[in-house]
Amino acid sequence: MRRTRSILSLLVLVGCMASSAYAQSDANDDLRTIHVEGEATVQVAPDEATVRFGIVTRADTPEAARTQNGEASSAALQAVRDAGVPEEQLQMEQLQLRPHRVYDEERRRTVEDGFEAVRTVRVTLNDPDQVPVVVAAVVEAGANRLESVEYGLQDRTAARNEALSEAARNARSKAEQLASALDVQVGAVHTIREQQFSFPRALQMGQARAATMVESASDANPEAYAAGTIEVEARVSVVFMLTP
């Protein structure tokens, strides 16, 4: 008797499981979706610039080269302050002191000719339009090497959000185009996922171009320092529900 009841209970359990699986299969069959990817590229004007310039001095002795460099560096930094740049946006980098080597044509080999002191200074500007003014000021004050000029963004959040929003709108546009061709309509969003987000490195001018700027720094021509735009890319994956 107990065995018969056990068999009956097992049959009821199997039947319930089969009914549940059948119902779930029917629900999945009724779920109609479309999966698309949306891409977007947003161009943003930079609102920050980082200028790195160098002061190079040469003398017969290391001490003389270092002293001359210190005086020239102080003058260049004061020129940046006078241009309205706050103290916290100035950074004096490491001083390098090394023998100065030149090529001797007569002996056809490289020889030492005194010593060279090199100091690099980094200046962060909240307004890229200040770049030509600052470069002209530091060159006039004694800086003789412009290492680089980099343009970037102070806050990346707004650019990131804009790119993601554009990518999401692009995904819906794709889904609606495909659905229209098949006589169905795009419904609510089922799932959405960020696939890729690309924020490039700061735009940087090459050292050759920077050297040319030093030669013509007295002109302070804004066109020579045009930053261009920064491209922010985003890609999202979206699954939409379909309705008849």
Protein backbone atom coordinates (compact mmCIF):
# COMPACT_ATOMS: atom_id res chain seq x y z
CA MET A 1 0.00 0.00 0.00
CA ARG A 2 2.77 2.38 0.95
CA ARG A 3 4.60 1.48 -2.24
CA THR A 4 1.52 2.27 -4.32
CA ARG A 5 1.20 5.68 -2.65
CA SER A 6 4.88 6.44 -3.33
CA ILE A 7 4.48 5.58 -7.01
CA LEU A 8 1.39 7.78 -7.27
CA SER A 9 3.18 10.69 -5.56
CA LEU A 10 6.13 10.33 -7.95
CA LEU A 11 3.82 10.36 -10.97
CA VAL A 12 2.08 13.50 -9.70
CA LEU A 13 5.46 15.24 -9.18
CA VAL A 14 6.66 14.32 -12.66
CA GLY A 15 3.41 15.59 -14.12
CA CYS A 16 3.71 18.91 -12.33
CA MET A 17 7.31 19.37 -13.54
CA ALA A 18 6.31 18.60 -17.11
CA SER A 19 3.42 21.07 -16.94
CA SER A 20 5.73 23.79 -15.53
CA ALA A 21 8.36 23.19 -18.24
CA TYR A 22 5.68 23.27 -20.93
CA ALA A 23 4.28 26.55 -19.60
CA GLN A 24 7.78 28.09 -19.42
CA SER A 25 8.48 26.97 -22.98
CA ASP A 26 5.27 28.60 -24.14
CA ALA A 27 6.22 31.83 -22.34
CA ASN A 28 9.65 31.87 -24.01
CA ASP A 29 8.08 31.21 -27.38
CA ASP A 30 5.80 34.21 -26.88
CA LEU A 31 8.75 36.49 -26.01
CA ARG A 32 9.76 38.20 -29.25
CA THR A 33 12.78 40.50 -29.15
CA ILE A 34 15.28 42.26 -31.38
CA HIS A 35 18.94 42.69 -30.46
CA VAL A 36 20.87 45.68 -31.88
CA GLU A 37 24.05 47.61 -31.13
CA GLY A 38 24.20 51.39 -31.13
CA GLU A 39 27.32 53.44 -31.77
CA ALA A 40 28.06 57.13 -31.39
CA THR A 41 31.01 59.50 -31.68
CA VAL A 42 30.82 62.85 -29.92
CA GLN A 43 33.22 65.68 -30.68
CA VAL A 44 34.07 67.89 -27.72
CA ALA A 45 36.15 71.05 -27.62
CA PRO A 46 38.96 70.80 -25.03
CA ASP A 47 38.73 73.12 -22.04
CA GLU A 48 42.14 72.44 -20.50
CA ALA A 49 45.75 72.68 -21.69
CA THR A 50 49.01 71.44 -20.19
CA VAL A 51 52.18 73.19 -21.31
CA ARG A 52 55.61 71.74 -20.58
CA PHE A 53 58.56 73.99 -21.29
CA GLY A 54 62.24 73.70 -20.52
CA ILE A 55 65.07 75.98 -19.48
CA VAL A 56 68.48 74.87 -20.73
CA THR A 57 71.68 76.61 -19.57
CA ARG A 58 75.31 75.80 -20.30
CA ALA A 59 78.50 76.79 -18.43
CA ASP A 60 82.06 75.65 -17.83
CA THR A 61 81.30 74.20 -14.40
CA PRO A 62 78.29 72.29 -13.01
CA GLU A 63 77.71 74.91 -10.30
CA ALA A 64 77.63 77.75 -12.81
CA ALA A 65 75.22 75.89 -15.06
CA ARG A 66 72.92 75.14 -12.11
CA THR A 67 73.01 78.74 -10.84
CA GLN A 68 72.21 80.20 -14.25
CA ASN A 69 69.40 77.69 -14.67
CA GLY A 70 67.89 78.58 -11.31
CA GLU A 71 67.82 82.27 -12.20
CA ALA A 72 66.27 81.63 -15.64
CA SER A 73 63.70 79.20 -14.18
CA SER A 74 62.63 81.71 -11.54
CA ALA A 75 62.16 84.38 -14.21
CA ALA A 76 60.10 82.03 -16.39
CA LEU A 77 57.88 81.02 -13.47
CA GLN A 78 57.31 84.64 -12.53
CA ALA A 79 56.26 85.36 -16.11
CA VAL A 80 53.64 82.60 -15.84
CA ARG A 81 52.35 84.07 -12.57
CA ASP A 82 52.16 87.51 -14.14
CA ALA A 83 50.03 85.99 -16.91
CA GLY A 84 47.40 85.18 -14.28
CA VAL A 85 48.10 81.47 -13.68
CA PRO A 86 47.50 80.38 -10.04
CA GLU A 87 50.45 79.02 -8.09
CA GLU A 88 48.84 75.56 -7.62
CA GLN A 89 48.81 75.07 -11.40
CA LEU A 90 52.60 75.36 -11.66
CA GLN A 91 54.93 72.42 -11.12
CA MET A 92 58.70 72.52 -11.24
CA GLU A 93 60.01 69.16 -12.38
CA GLN A 94 63.39 67.54 -11.78
CA LEU A 95 66.61 69.36 -12.61
CA GLN A 96 69.05 67.46 -14.80
CA LEU A 97 72.75 68.31 -14.70
CA ARG A 98 75.00 66.60 -17.25
CA PRO A 99 78.11 67.14 -19.38
CA HIS A 100 77.49 68.98 -22.61
CA ARG A 101 78.79 67.00 -25.58
CA VAL A 102 79.51 68.29 -29.07
CA TYR A 103 80.95 66.70 -32.18
CA ASP A 104 84.50 67.75 -33.01
CA GLU A 105 84.90 67.86 -36.79
CA GLU A 106 88.71 67.85 -36.68
CA ARG A 107 89.03 64.87 -34.35
CA ARG A 108 85.84 63.28 -35.72
CA ARG A 109 84.50 62.31 -32.36
CA THR A 110 82.23 63.59 -29.62
CA VAL A 111 83.91 65.61 -26.88
CA GLU A 112 82.72 67.22 -23.67
CA ASP A 113 82.32 71.00 -23.73
CA GLY A 114 81.27 72.24 -20.30
CA PHE A 115 78.06 71.31 -18.51
CA GLU A 116 74.37 71.60 -19.23
CA ALA A 117 71.51 72.11 -16.76
CA VAL A 118 67.95 71.31 -17.87
CA ARG A 119 64.85 72.17 -15.88
CA THR A 120 61.31 71.32 -17.04
CA VAL A 121 58.24 73.19 -15.83
CA ARG A 122 54.64 72.05 -16.24
CA VAL A 123 51.79 74.54 -16.37
CA THR A 124 48.11 73.58 -16.34
CA LEU A 125 45.73 76.10 -17.92
CA ASN A 126 41.96 76.09 -17.44
CA ASP A 127 41.55 78.06 -20.66
CA PRO A 128 43.28 76.78 -23.84
CA ASP A 129 43.20 80.31 -25.23
CA GLN A 130 45.89 81.20 -22.67
CA VAL A 131 48.46 78.92 -24.35
CA PRO A 132 49.92 81.44 -26.86
CA VAL A 133 50.09 84.16 -24.19
CA VAL A 134 51.85 81.92 -21.66
CA VAL A 135 54.28 80.50 -24.22
CA ALA A 136 55.24 83.98 -25.41
CA ALA A 137 55.74 85.12 -21.82
CA VAL A 138 58.00 82.23 -20.75
CA VAL A 139 60.10 82.37 -23.91
CA GLU A 140 60.64 86.09 -23.43
CA ALA A 141 61.59 85.40 -19.81
CA GLY A 142 64.26 82.85 -20.74
CA ALA A 143 62.66 79.49 -21.52
CA ASN A 144 64.29 78.07 -24.65
CA ARG A 145 62.56 74.71 -25.11
CA LEU A 146 58.87 73.91 -25.48
CA GLU A 147 58.49 70.21 -24.71
CA SER A 148 54.80 69.71 -25.43
CA VAL A 149 51.31 71.15 -25.39
CA GLU A 150 48.45 68.80 -24.45
CA TYR A 151 44.74 69.57 -24.67
CA GLY A 152 42.14 67.71 -22.62
CA LEU A 153 38.95 67.96 -20.59
CA GLN A 154 38.64 68.95 -16.95
CA ASP A 155 35.49 66.85 -16.49
CA ARG A 156 34.94 63.78 -18.68
CA THR A 157 31.56 62.85 -17.19
CA ALA A 158 29.46 65.13 -19.39
CA ALA A 159 31.17 63.94 -22.60
CA ARG A 160 30.80 60.30 -21.54
CA ASN A 161 27.10 60.69 -20.79
CA GLU A 162 26.44 62.44 -24.08
CA ALA A 163 28.20 59.70 -26.06
CA LEU A 164 26.28 56.94 -24.27
CA SER A 165 22.95 58.72 -24.81
CA GLU A 166 23.66 59.15 -28.50
CA ALA A 167 24.60 55.46 -28.77
CA ALA A 168 21.34 54.43 -27.08
CA ARG A 169 19.31 56.59 -29.49
CA ASN A 170 21.21 55.08 -32.39
CA ALA A 171 20.29 51.58 -31.15
CA ARG A 172 16.58 52.45 -31.06
CA SER A 173 16.77 53.97 -34.55
CA LYS A 174 18.32 50.75 -35.88
CA ALA A 175 15.71 48.61 -34.15
CA GLU A 176 12.84 50.70 -35.52
CA GLN A 177 14.24 50.49 -39.05
CA LEU A 178 14.49 46.70 -38.90
CA ALA A 179 11.10 46.29 -37.26
CA SER A 180 9.41 48.50 -39.84
CA ALA A 181 10.72 46.33 -42.66
CA LEU A 182 9.15 43.27 -40.98
CA ASP A 183 5.80 44.89 -40.13
CA VAL A 184 6.31 44.83 -36.38
CA GLN A 185 6.83 47.56 -33.81
CA VAL A 186 9.52 48.19 -31.24
CA GLY A 187 8.25 48.06 -27.68
CA ALA A 188 9.89 48.48 -24.32
CA VAL A 189 13.55 47.86 -23.57
CA HIS A 190 14.24 44.34 -22.34
CA THR A 191 17.95 44.68 -21.53
CA ILE A 192 20.65 47.27 -22.19
CA ARG A 193 24.39 46.95 -21.70
CA GLU A 194 27.38 49.19 -22.29
CA GLN A 195 29.71 47.46 -24.74
CA GLN A 196 32.56 49.88 -25.17
CA PHE A 197 33.59 53.38 -24.17
CA SER A 198 36.65 55.05 -25.64
CA PHE A 199 38.13 58.25 -24.32
CA PRO A 200 41.34 59.10 -26.20
CA ARG A 201 44.46 60.44 -24.61
CA ALA A 202 44.93 64.18 -24.53
CA LEU A 203 45.69 65.80 -27.86
CA GLN A 204 49.42 66.42 -27.94
CA MET A 205 51.51 68.54 -30.25
CA GLY A 206 54.77 66.96 -31.36
CA GLN A 207 58.09 68.29 -30.17
CA ALA A 208 59.01 69.48 -33.67
CA ARG A 209 55.92 71.64 -33.84
CA ALA A 210 56.54 72.85 -30.30
CA ALA A 211 60.07 73.89 -31.27
CA THR A 212 58.65 75.92 -34.15
CA MET A 213 56.34 77.66 -31.69
CA VAL A 214 59.32 78.74 -29.59
CA GLU A 215 60.93 80.37 -32.61
CA SER A 216 57.76 82.37 -33.37
CA ALA A 217 56.53 82.75 -29.79
CA SER A 218 56.80 86.53 -29.90
CA ASP A 219 53.98 86.58 -32.46
CA ALA A 220 51.59 84.77 -30.06
CA ASN A 221 49.48 83.72 -33.04
CA PRO A 222 46.42 81.85 -31.68
CA GLU A 223 46.01 79.89 -34.94
CA ALA A 224 49.32 78.13 -34.34
CA TYR A 225 47.91 76.65 -31.15
CA ALA A 226 44.54 75.47 -32.48
CA ALA A 227 43.56 72.46 -30.39
CA GLY A 228 40.94 70.85 -32.61
CA THR A 229 38.37 68.56 -31.00
CA ILE A 230 38.42 65.43 -28.86
CA GLU A 231 36.39 62.46 -30.14
CA VAL A 232 34.58 60.35 -27.53
CA GLU A 233 33.21 57.00 -28.73
CA ALA A 234 30.57 54.77 -27.11
CA ARG A 235 28.81 51.52 -28.02
CA VAL A 236 25.80 49.90 -26.33
CA SER A 237 23.94 46.62 -26.80
CA VAL A 238 20.14 46.79 -26.45
CA VAL A 239 17.42 44.15 -26.60
CA PHE A 240 13.95 45.55 -27.40
CA MET A 241 10.59 43.84 -27.08
CA LEU A 242 8.60 43.47 -30.31
CA THR A 243 4.85 43.91 -30.69
CA PRO A 244 2.71 42.87 -33.70
